[in-house]
């Protein structure tokens, strides 16, 4: 076998390898088997630290205090003015109640049913003992990563039917099985009578395409 023929075989094999899609996908980025990871858009600040511009306050009281969204009173939502499909949402949260706190971040809902104050799903919970967990989504639970009495950072990634959460920079869970709208609002849940006041800050979203 001469050198020129051998080089040709190696070159052809390299081209074939590049042409075959990743059969396993990219679990880190949430891509499905045989697909590429979604492209990221710009990381957008949803809260400027000064006003509630870009948000709708629904059936509750909210204000800006020391660069944070203060969930001040009532039962309701501080809802984004825009809907999102696939995205990465980052936020920091802190309870002002010493125990039995309760709040949350809703996502992928397009409306709130008449007569209700919150959508039926999905919510990344911020209830004591359930921080970061999502109900109605099998496997979307973790424990031990949340620090009570402190600011905690959350990173929620939603792609197609999958969702994943990081808490304080550590992987918490990854689950598949999201149903319902493929695009929807994100909302900061207000549950002050039962769960106490709380703060949100450093709220960012990166849309995935």
C-alpha atoms as a PDB file:
ATOM      1  CA  UNK A   1       0.000   0.000   0.000  1.00  0.00           C
ATOM      2  CA  UNK A   2       1.644   3.244  -1.090  1.00  0.00           C
ATOM      3  CA  UNK A   3       1.693   6.370   1.066  1.00  0.00           C
ATOM      4  CA  UNK A   4      -0.600   8.385  -1.219  1.00  0.00           C
ATOM      5  CA  UNK A   5      -3.331   5.732  -1.086  1.00  0.00           C
ATOM      6  CA  UNK A   6      -3.021   5.437   2.724  1.00  0.00           C
ATOM      7  CA  UNK A   7      -3.319   9.210   3.156  1.00  0.00           C
ATOM      8  CA  UNK A   8      -6.447   9.212   0.999  1.00  0.00           C
ATOM      9  CA  UNK A   9      -8.094   6.536   3.157  1.00  0.00           C
ATOM     10  CA  UNK A  10      -7.342   8.449   6.381  1.00  0.00           C
ATOM     11  CA  UNK A  11      -8.665  11.715   4.926  1.00  0.00           C
ATOM     12  CA  UNK A  12     -11.904  10.034   3.801  1.00  0.00           C
ATOM     13  CA  UNK A  13     -12.388   8.487   7.251  1.00  0.00           C
ATOM     14  CA  UNK A  14     -12.019  11.912   8.898  1.00  0.00           C
ATOM     15  CA  UNK A  15     -14.638  13.423   6.622  1.00  0.00           C
ATOM     16  CA  UNK A  16     -17.042  10.584   7.401  1.00  0.00           C
ATOM     17  CA  UNK A  17     -16.547  11.024  11.149  1.00  0.00           C
ATOM     18  CA  UNK A  18     -17.323  14.747  10.968  1.00  0.00           C
ATOM     19  CA  UNK A  19     -20.452  14.130   8.920  1.00  0.00           C
ATOM     20  CA  UNK A  20     -22.015  11.714  11.440  1.00  0.00           C
ATOM     21  CA  UNK A  21     -24.098  13.510  14.126  1.00  0.00           C
ATOM     22  CA  UNK A  22     -23.468  12.841  17.798  1.00  0.00           C
ATOM     23  CA  UNK A  23     -25.543   9.757  18.487  1.00  0.00           C
ATOM     24  CA  UNK A  24     -25.632  10.440  22.195  1.00  0.00           C
ATOM     25  CA  UNK A  25     -26.399  14.149  22.185  1.00  0.00           C
ATOM     26  CA  UNK A  26     -24.890  16.467  24.767  1.00  0.00           C
ATOM     27  CA  UNK A  27     -26.296  15.818  28.255  1.00  0.00           C
ATOM     28  CA  UNK A  28     -24.540  18.864  29.669  1.00  0.00           C
ATOM     29  CA  UNK A  29     -26.424  21.146  27.301  1.00  0.00           C
ATOM     30  CA  UNK A  30     -29.623  19.137  27.195  1.00  0.00           C
ATOM     31  CA  UNK A  31     -29.518  18.210  23.523  1.00  0.00           C
ATOM     32  CA  UNK A  32     -31.371  15.143  22.342  1.00  0.00           C
ATOM     33  CA  UNK A  33     -29.602  12.163  20.740  1.00  0.00           C
ATOM     34  CA  UNK A  34     -28.572  12.882  17.161  1.00  0.00           C
ATOM     35  CA  UNK A  35     -28.847  16.648  17.604  1.00  0.00           C
ATOM     36  CA  UNK A  36     -26.531  19.512  18.340  1.00  0.00           C
ATOM     37  CA  UNK A  37     -26.735  21.643  21.467  1.00  0.00           C
ATOM     38  CA  UNK A  38     -29.002  24.686  21.001  1.00  0.00           C
ATOM     39  CA  UNK A  39     -27.372  27.985  20.143  1.00  0.00           C
ATOM     40  CA  UNK A  40     -27.306  30.567  22.910  1.00  0.00           C
ATOM     41  CA  UNK A  41     -28.634  34.058  22.522  1.00  0.00           C
ATOM     42  CA  UNK A  42     -27.404  37.000  24.597  1.00  0.00           C
ATOM     43  CA  UNK A  43     -27.583  36.821  28.385  1.00  0.00           C
ATOM     44  CA  UNK A  44     -30.298  39.357  29.157  1.00  0.00           C
ATOM     45  CA  UNK A  45     -30.854  41.120  32.470  1.00  0.00           C
ATOM     46  CA  UNK A  46     -34.539  40.875  33.427  1.00  0.00           C
ATOM     47  CA  UNK A  47     -34.267  43.171  36.451  1.00  0.00           C
ATOM     48  CA  UNK A  48     -32.292  46.414  36.370  1.00  0.00           C
ATOM     49  CA  UNK A  49     -32.035  46.693  40.158  1.00  0.00           C
ATOM     50  CA  UNK A  50     -33.942  49.985  40.170  1.00  0.00           C
ATOM     51  CA  UNK A  51     -37.443  49.475  38.756  1.00  0.00           C
ATOM     52  CA  UNK A  52     -39.929  46.739  37.891  1.00  0.00           C
ATOM     53  CA  UNK A  53     -39.828  47.743  34.239  1.00  0.00           C
ATOM     54  CA  UNK A  54     -40.555  44.724  32.040  1.00  0.00           C
ATOM     55  CA  UNK A  55     -42.609  42.981  34.731  1.00  0.00           C
ATOM     56  CA  UNK A  56     -46.330  42.829  35.452  1.00  0.00           C
ATOM     57  CA  UNK A  57     -47.382  42.746  39.104  1.00  0.00           C
ATOM     58  CA  UNK A  58     -50.465  40.538  39.410  1.00  0.00           C
ATOM     59  CA  UNK A  59     -52.613  40.345  42.565  1.00  0.00           C
ATOM     60  CA  UNK A  60     -49.771  41.167  44.941  1.00  0.00           C
ATOM     61  CA  UNK A  61     -47.501  43.944  46.151  1.00  0.00           C
ATOM     62  CA  UNK A  62     -43.893  44.206  45.047  1.00  0.00           C
ATOM     63  CA  UNK A  63     -41.247  46.908  45.293  1.00  0.00           C
ATOM     64  CA  UNK A  64     -37.557  47.480  44.681  1.00  0.00           C
ATOM     65  CA  UNK A  65     -35.393  47.613  47.798  1.00  0.00           C
ATOM     66  CA  UNK A  66     -31.584  47.850  47.879  1.00  0.00           C
ATOM     67  CA  UNK A  67     -31.238  46.518  44.338  1.00  0.00           C
ATOM     68  CA  UNK A  68     -33.622  43.597  44.867  1.00  0.00           C
ATOM     69  CA  UNK A  69     -37.223  42.765  44.056  1.00  0.00           C
ATOM     70  CA  UNK A  70     -39.052  42.726  47.379  1.00  0.00           C
ATOM     71  CA  UNK A  71     -42.080  40.439  47.366  1.00  0.00           C
ATOM     72  CA  UNK A  72     -43.965  42.572  49.816  1.00  0.00           C
ATOM     73  CA  UNK A  73     -47.513  41.331  50.282  1.00  0.00           C
ATOM     74  CA  UNK A  74     -50.424  39.333  48.993  1.00  0.00           C
ATOM     75  CA  UNK A  75     -50.750  36.172  46.925  1.00  0.00           C
ATOM     76  CA  UNK A  76     -49.938  36.537  43.253  1.00  0.00           C
ATOM     77  CA  UNK A  77     -47.173  36.866  40.687  1.00  0.00           C
ATOM     78  CA  UNK A  78     -44.527  39.256  39.447  1.00  0.00           C
ATOM     79  CA  UNK A  79     -44.643  38.101  35.830  1.00  0.00           C
ATOM     80  CA  UNK A  80     -42.304  38.711  32.908  1.00  0.00           C
ATOM     81  CA  UNK A  81     -43.675  40.805  30.093  1.00  0.00           C
ATOM     82  CA  UNK A  82     -42.319  38.328  27.538  1.00  0.00           C
ATOM     83  CA  UNK A  83     -42.744  34.600  26.984  1.00  0.00           C
ATOM     84  CA  UNK A  84     -39.807  32.224  26.574  1.00  0.00           C
ATOM     85  CA  UNK A  85     -39.384  28.806  24.989  1.00  0.00           C
ATOM     86  CA  UNK A  86     -36.000  27.184  25.648  1.00  0.00           C
ATOM     87  CA  UNK A  87     -33.861  29.173  28.048  1.00  0.00           C
ATOM     88  CA  UNK A  88     -31.435  29.379  30.931  1.00  0.00           C
ATOM     89  CA  UNK A  89     -32.715  31.470  33.832  1.00  0.00           C
ATOM     90  CA  UNK A  90     -30.408  32.580  36.650  1.00  0.00           C
ATOM     91  CA  UNK A  91     -31.529  34.277  39.843  1.00  0.00           C
ATOM     92  CA  UNK A  92     -30.643  34.766  43.481  1.00  0.00           C
ATOM     93  CA  UNK A  93     -33.228  34.454  46.233  1.00  0.00           C
ATOM     94  CA  UNK A  94     -33.404  35.082  49.974  1.00  0.00           C
ATOM     95  CA  UNK A  95     -36.185  34.658  52.505  1.00  0.00           C
ATOM     96  CA  UNK A  96     -36.874  37.332  55.108  1.00  0.00           C
ATOM     97  CA  UNK A  97     -38.721  34.799  57.227  1.00  0.00           C
ATOM     98  CA  UNK A  98     -36.680  32.680  59.623  1.00  0.00           C
ATOM     99  CA  UNK A  99     -38.678  29.499  59.028  1.00  0.00           C
ATOM    100  CA  UNK A 100     -41.619  28.152  57.026  1.00  0.00           C
ATOM    101  CA  UNK A 101     -40.762  30.387  54.049  1.00  0.00           C
ATOM    102  CA  UNK A 102     -42.600  29.773  50.796  1.00  0.00           C
ATOM    103  CA  UNK A 103     -42.230  31.289  47.335  1.00  0.00           C
ATOM    104  CA  UNK A 104     -41.229  30.031  43.909  1.00  0.00           C
ATOM    105  CA  UNK A 105     -40.468  30.720  40.263  1.00  0.00           C
ATOM    106  CA  UNK A 106     -43.040  29.625  37.690  1.00  0.00           C
ATOM    107  CA  UNK A 107     -42.082  28.891  34.089  1.00  0.00           C
ATOM    108  CA  UNK A 108     -43.528  27.628  30.806  1.00  0.00           C
ATOM    109  CA  UNK A 109     -47.110  28.789  31.479  1.00  0.00           C
ATOM    110  CA  UNK A 110     -49.052  30.966  29.067  1.00  0.00           C
ATOM    111  CA  UNK A 111     -51.992  31.978  31.270  1.00  0.00           C
ATOM    112  CA  UNK A 112     -53.452  31.837  34.768  1.00  0.00           C
ATOM    113  CA  UNK A 113     -56.878  30.165  34.860  1.00  0.00           C
ATOM    114  CA  UNK A 114     -59.876  32.315  35.769  1.00  0.00           C
ATOM    115  CA  UNK A 115     -60.489  32.324  39.498  1.00  0.00           C
ATOM    116  CA  UNK A 116     -56.934  31.188  40.275  1.00  0.00           C
ATOM    117  CA  UNK A 117     -53.993  33.214  41.573  1.00  0.00           C
ATOM    118  CA  UNK A 118     -51.222  30.995  40.192  1.00  0.00           C
ATOM    119  CA  UNK A 119     -50.831  28.763  37.144  1.00  0.00           C
ATOM    120  CA  UNK A 120     -51.159  25.002  37.733  1.00  0.00           C
ATOM    121  CA  UNK A 121     -47.514  24.290  36.749  1.00  0.00           C
ATOM    122  CA  UNK A 122     -44.527  24.385  36.525  1.00  0.00           C
ATOM    123  CA  UNK A 123     -42.908  25.893  39.612  1.00  0.00           C
ATOM    124  CA  UNK A 124     -39.317  25.751  40.792  1.00  0.00           C
ATOM    125  CA  UNK A 125     -40.249  25.742  44.454  1.00  0.00           C
ATOM    126  CA  UNK A 126     -38.819  27.996  47.133  1.00  0.00           C
ATOM    127  CA  UNK A 127     -40.673  26.437  50.028  1.00  0.00           C
ATOM    128  CA  UNK A 128     -38.651  25.407  53.072  1.00  0.00           C
ATOM    129  CA  UNK A 129     -37.243  21.925  52.525  1.00  0.00           C
ATOM    130  CA  UNK A 130     -38.248  21.935  48.853  1.00  0.00           C
ATOM    131  CA  UNK A 131     -35.979  24.641  47.423  1.00  0.00           C
ATOM    132  CA  UNK A 132     -35.361  24.225  43.687  1.00  0.00           C
ATOM    133  CA  UNK A 133     -37.633  21.201  43.312  1.00  0.00           C
ATOM    134  CA  UNK A 134     -40.320  21.082  40.610  1.00  0.00           C
ATOM    135  CA  UNK A 135     -43.624  19.340  41.212  1.00  0.00           C
ATOM    136  CA  UNK A 136     -45.334  17.281  38.496  1.00  0.00           C
ATOM    137  CA  UNK A 137     -41.891  16.492  37.016  1.00  0.00           C
ATOM    138  CA  UNK A 138     -40.453  13.121  37.973  1.00  0.00           C
ATOM    139  CA  UNK A 139     -36.889  13.264  39.259  1.00  0.00           C
ATOM    140  CA  UNK A 140     -36.819  17.051  39.700  1.00  0.00           C
ATOM    141  CA  UNK A 141     -35.777  16.937  43.345  1.00  0.00           C
ATOM    142  CA  UNK A 142     -32.641  17.432  45.407  1.00  0.00           C
ATOM    143  CA  UNK A 143     -31.692  18.215  48.992  1.00  0.00           C
ATOM    144  CA  UNK A 144     -28.728  19.609  50.872  1.00  0.00           C
ATOM    145  CA  UNK A 145     -27.581  22.332  48.457  1.00  0.00           C
ATOM    146  CA  UNK A 146     -29.633  25.212  49.860  1.00  0.00           C
ATOM    147  CA  UNK A 147     -28.265  27.455  52.644  1.00  0.00           C
ATOM    148  CA  UNK A 148     -30.915  28.848  54.975  1.00  0.00           C
ATOM    149  CA  UNK A 149     -30.692  32.486  55.995  1.00  0.00           C
ATOM    150  CA  UNK A 150     -28.408  33.355  53.067  1.00  0.00           C
ATOM    151  CA  UNK A 151     -28.623  34.428  49.452  1.00  0.00           C
ATOM    152  CA  UNK A 152     -28.832  31.334  47.250  1.00  0.00           C
ATOM    153  CA  UNK A 153     -28.236  31.196  43.502  1.00  0.00           C
ATOM    154  CA  UNK A 154     -30.345  29.084  41.142  1.00  0.00           C
ATOM    155  CA  UNK A 155     -29.822  28.241  37.483  1.00  0.00           C
ATOM    156  CA  UNK A 156     -32.784  26.703  35.667  1.00  0.00           C
ATOM    157  CA  UNK A 157     -32.270  25.296  32.165  1.00  0.00           C
ATOM    158  CA  UNK A 158     -35.339  24.399  30.093  1.00  0.00           C
ATOM    159  CA  UNK A 159     -34.937  22.713  26.693  1.00  0.00           C
ATOM    160  CA  UNK A 160     -37.819  20.973  24.966  1.00  0.00           C
ATOM    161  CA  UNK A 161     -39.318  18.526  27.446  1.00  0.00           C
ATOM    162  CA  UNK A 162     -36.277  18.606  29.743  1.00  0.00           C
ATOM    163  CA  UNK A 163     -35.357  20.798  32.670  1.00  0.00           C
ATOM    164  CA  UNK A 164     -32.290  20.954  34.895  1.00  0.00           C
ATOM    165  CA  UNK A 165     -31.368  22.896  38.012  1.00  0.00           C
ATOM    166  CA  UNK A 166     -28.140  24.066  39.599  1.00  0.00           C
ATOM    167  CA  UNK A 167     -28.133  25.410  43.144  1.00  0.00           C
ATOM    168  CA  UNK A 168     -25.195  27.462  44.388  1.00  0.00           C
ATOM    169  CA  UNK A 169     -23.121  26.330  41.427  1.00  0.00           C
ATOM    170  CA  UNK A 170     -23.717  22.593  41.923  1.00  0.00           C
ATOM    171  CA  UNK A 171     -25.883  20.270  39.780  1.00  0.00           C
ATOM    172  CA  UNK A 172     -29.116  19.531  41.647  1.00  0.00           C
ATOM    173  CA  UNK A 173     -31.209  17.472  39.221  1.00  0.00           C
ATOM    174  CA  UNK A 174     -32.098  16.881  35.588  1.00  0.00           C
ATOM    175  CA  UNK A 175     -35.480  15.566  34.468  1.00  0.00           C
ATOM    176  CA  UNK A 176     -37.534  14.893  31.358  1.00  0.00           C
ATOM    177  CA  UNK A 177     -41.291  15.058  30.948  1.00  0.00           C
ATOM    178  CA  UNK A 178     -42.363  18.701  30.674  1.00  0.00           C
ATOM    179  CA  UNK A 179     -45.834  18.987  29.168  1.00  0.00           C
ATOM    180  CA  UNK A 180     -48.066  21.837  28.084  1.00  0.00           C
ATOM    181  CA  UNK A 181     -47.059  25.056  26.333  1.00  0.00           C
ATOM    182  CA  UNK A 182     -43.714  25.082  24.549  1.00  0.00           C
ATOM    183  CA  UNK A 183     -43.383  28.745  25.361  1.00  0.00           C
ATOM    184  CA  UNK A 184     -44.525  30.780  28.339  1.00  0.00           C
ATOM    185  CA  UNK A 185     -43.922  33.415  30.980  1.00  0.00           C
ATOM    186  CA  UNK A 186     -41.598  33.251  33.952  1.00  0.00           C
ATOM    187  CA  UNK A 187     -43.034  34.545  37.208  1.00  0.00           C
ATOM    188  CA  UNK A 188     -41.835  35.235  40.737  1.00  0.00           C
ATOM    189  CA  UNK A 189     -44.442  33.820  43.061  1.00  0.00           C
ATOM    190  CA  UNK A 190     -45.773  35.970  45.877  1.00  0.00           C
ATOM    191  CA  UNK A 191     -47.084  34.010  48.867  1.00  0.00           C
ATOM    192  CA  UNK A 192     -46.569  36.440  51.701  1.00  0.00           C
ATOM    193  CA  UNK A 193     -49.442  35.645  54.117  1.00  0.00           C
ATOM    194  CA  UNK A 194     -48.219  32.081  54.522  1.00  0.00           C
ATOM    195  CA  UNK A 195     -44.628  32.153  53.338  1.00  0.00           C
ATOM    196  CA  UNK A 196     -43.391  35.592  54.327  1.00  0.00           C
ATOM    197  CA  UNK A 197     -41.590  38.294  52.401  1.00  0.00           C
ATOM    198  CA  UNK A 198     -38.626  37.457  50.192  1.00  0.00           C
ATOM    199  CA  UNK A 199     -36.094  39.044  47.864  1.00  0.00           C
ATOM    200  CA  UNK A 200     -34.935  38.333  44.310  1.00  0.00           C
ATOM    201  CA  UNK A 201     -31.907  39.832  42.566  1.00  0.00           C
ATOM    202  CA  UNK A 202     -29.458  39.250  39.681  1.00  0.00           C
ATOM    203  CA  UNK A 203     -32.191  37.869  37.428  1.00  0.00           C
ATOM    204  CA  UNK A 204     -30.912  36.908  33.975  1.00  0.00           C
ATOM    205  CA  UNK A 205     -32.248  34.862  31.081  1.00  0.00           C
ATOM    206  CA  UNK A 206     -30.476  33.414  28.066  1.00  0.00           C
ATOM    207  CA  UNK A 207     -32.722  32.262  25.242  1.00  0.00           C
ATOM    208  CA  UNK A 208     -31.724  29.066  23.451  1.00  0.00           C
ATOM    209  CA  UNK A 209     -32.460  28.492  19.777  1.00  0.00           C
END
